Protein backbone atom coordinates (compact mmCIF):
# COMPACT_ATOMS: atom_id res chain seq x y z
CA MET A 1 78.30 -9.21 35.81
CA LEU A 2 78.66 -8.03 32.26
CA PHE A 3 78.53 -4.34 31.36
CA ASN A 4 79.15 -2.00 28.50
CA ARG A 5 81.63 0.83 28.03
CA ALA A 6 79.15 3.46 29.25
CA THR A 7 78.87 1.56 32.55
CA LYS A 8 82.67 1.32 32.78
CA LEU A 9 82.96 5.09 32.35
CA LEU A 10 80.27 5.68 35.04
CA LEU A 11 82.07 3.37 37.45
CA GLU A 12 85.33 5.23 36.86
CA LYS A 13 83.61 8.42 38.06
CA SER A 14 82.26 6.84 41.21
CA PRO A 15 83.69 6.47 44.70
CA ALA A 16 85.75 3.45 45.55
CA ARG A 17 84.08 2.89 48.93
CA VAL A 18 80.71 1.21 48.46
CA VAL A 19 78.99 -1.63 50.33
CA SER A 20 78.65 -4.05 47.43
CA HIS A 21 80.12 -3.61 43.99
CA ASP A 22 77.25 -5.32 42.18
CA TRP A 23 74.56 -3.42 44.06
CA TRP A 24 76.43 -0.16 43.53
CA THR A 25 76.73 -0.83 39.80
CA TYR A 26 72.96 -1.43 39.62
CA GLN A 27 72.23 1.75 41.62
CA LEU A 28 74.59 3.93 39.59
CA VAL A 29 73.55 2.70 36.14
CA THR A 30 69.82 2.95 36.77
CA ALA A 31 70.11 6.28 38.64
CA ALA A 32 72.01 7.73 35.66
CA GLY A 33 69.22 6.60 33.32
CA GLY A 34 70.77 3.34 32.12
CA THR A 35 69.17 -0.08 31.97
CA ALA A 36 70.03 -3.12 34.02
CA VAL A 37 69.04 -6.52 32.73
CA TYR A 38 68.77 -9.40 35.16
CA ASP A 39 69.25 -12.89 33.79
CA PRO A 40 67.77 -15.42 36.21
CA VAL A 41 69.63 -18.29 34.54
CA PRO A 42 73.11 -18.68 36.10
CA SER A 43 75.85 -18.91 33.51
CA VAL A 44 78.84 -19.05 35.85
CA ARG A 45 79.29 -20.82 39.15
CA TYR A 46 79.28 -18.56 42.16
CA ARG A 47 81.84 -19.63 44.75
CA GLN A 48 80.95 -19.50 48.42
CA HIS A 49 83.72 -19.98 50.93
CA GLY A 50 84.47 -19.07 54.52
CA ALA A 51 86.33 -15.88 53.62
CA ASN A 52 83.49 -14.34 51.58
CA ALA A 53 82.73 -10.75 52.58
CA SER A 54 79.02 -11.57 52.47
CA GLY A 55 77.24 -14.85 52.40
CA SER A 56 74.45 -16.40 50.46
CA ASN A 57 70.97 -14.88 50.71
CA ALA A 58 69.26 -18.25 50.60
CA GLY A 59 67.74 -20.16 53.46
CA LEU A 60 66.42 -19.54 56.96
CA GLY A 61 69.88 -18.77 58.39
CA ALA A 62 70.38 -15.98 55.86
CA ARG A 63 66.99 -14.49 56.71
CA ILE A 64 67.81 -14.49 60.39
CA ASP A 65 71.23 -12.90 59.67
CA ARG A 66 69.49 -10.11 57.65
CA MET A 67 66.99 -9.48 60.49
CA LEU A 68 69.87 -9.21 62.95
CA MET A 69 71.67 -6.79 60.62
CA VAL A 70 68.64 -4.53 60.59
CA ALA A 71 68.19 -4.72 64.37
CA ARG A 72 71.89 -3.93 64.97
CA GLY A 73 71.89 -0.93 62.58
CA ARG A 74 74.10 -2.42 59.89
CA PHE A 75 71.43 -1.98 57.25
CA GLY A 76 71.22 1.73 58.21
CA THR A 77 75.01 2.05 57.98
CA TRP A 78 74.95 0.51 54.53
CA ASN A 79 72.17 2.86 53.43
CA GLU A 80 74.21 5.81 54.71
CA MET A 81 77.20 4.67 52.63
CA ASN A 82 75.00 4.27 49.52
CA ILE A 83 73.43 7.69 50.04
CA SER A 84 76.89 9.24 50.39
CA ALA A 85 78.12 7.48 47.26
CA LEU A 86 75.07 8.62 45.27
CA ARG A 87 75.45 12.18 46.49
CA SER A 88 79.08 12.15 45.34
CA VAL A 89 77.89 11.54 41.76
CA GLU A 90 74.64 13.53 41.97
CA GLY A 91 75.47 15.36 38.75
CA LEU A 92 75.21 12.06 36.89
CA LEU A 93 71.71 11.24 38.19
CA THR A 94 68.54 11.80 36.24
CA ARG A 95 66.12 14.36 37.63
CA GLU A 96 63.77 11.57 38.70
CA SER A 97 66.58 9.62 40.40
CA ALA A 98 67.70 12.74 42.29
CA ARG A 99 64.08 13.22 43.43
CA GLN A 100 63.86 9.59 44.58
CA LEU A 101 67.10 9.99 46.49
CA ALA A 102 65.83 13.14 48.23
CA PHE A 103 62.65 11.36 49.30
CA PHE A 104 64.63 8.34 50.55
CA VAL A 105 66.90 10.62 52.60
CA ARG A 106 63.79 12.29 54.08
CA ALA A 107 62.33 8.81 54.79
CA ARG A 108 65.20 8.19 57.21
CA GLN A 109 64.27 11.21 59.33
CA GLY A 110 61.37 12.36 61.48
CA ASP A 111 58.46 10.48 62.96
CA VAL A 112 57.07 7.17 61.76
CA LEU A 113 54.43 8.77 59.53
CA ASN A 114 57.07 10.96 57.85
CA ARG A 115 59.39 7.96 57.34
CA LEU A 116 56.72 5.76 55.78
CA THR A 117 55.23 8.56 53.65
CA ASN A 118 58.58 9.55 52.19
CA LEU A 119 59.60 5.94 51.66
CA ARG A 120 56.43 5.49 49.54
CA ARG A 121 57.17 8.76 47.70
CA SER A 122 60.73 7.63 47.02
CA GLY A 123 59.57 4.61 45.08
CA VAL A 124 62.24 2.44 46.75
CA TYR A 125 61.15 -1.15 47.03
CA ARG A 126 62.49 -4.67 47.48
CA GLN A 127 62.04 -7.48 44.98
CA THR A 128 59.84 -9.70 47.16
CA LEU A 129 56.78 -9.23 49.36
CA GLN A 130 58.82 -10.36 52.38
CA GLY A 131 61.53 -7.88 51.48
CA ASN A 132 59.05 -5.04 51.15
CA ILE A 133 57.47 -5.87 54.50
CA ALA A 134 60.92 -5.89 56.10
CA LEU A 135 61.81 -2.58 54.48
CA HIS A 136 58.65 -0.89 55.77
CA LEU A 137 59.11 -2.43 59.21
CA ALA A 138 62.71 -1.14 59.29
CA ALA A 139 61.46 2.31 58.25
CA ALA A 140 58.76 2.26 60.95
CA LEU A 141 61.34 1.31 63.56
CA SER A 142 63.90 3.84 62.19
CA LYS A 143 66.35 1.02 61.53
CA PHE A 144 67.16 1.73 57.88
């Protein structure tokens, strides 16, 4: 990950306890009105080893692990941590980002229709069709 001074200053204002430093950096920068650029071409080698805090997202085993995380509530716990972190820096968020956060929080409450409606209103999405289906299924089952 490469970032500019503005991102460094944002990160210095943010809580230390987040689920994933790279995901948090993306959330914080974009919520504060910054731009994130994704380069699909790897320029450094990513090391996987047995002591990694989280594993690779590739392959059938990783998909099964993610489904189990949702079923066991870990995904919901992570979302709760991210919501708490974003609320702690709410003054740095754009008006639109604060609105999206409010809808996402509402999407985690109430009946299935309320959850799915507010998820749509929040604008939160995953990068793949499979990911979006899983997100909506998790919302329907109140597991996010």
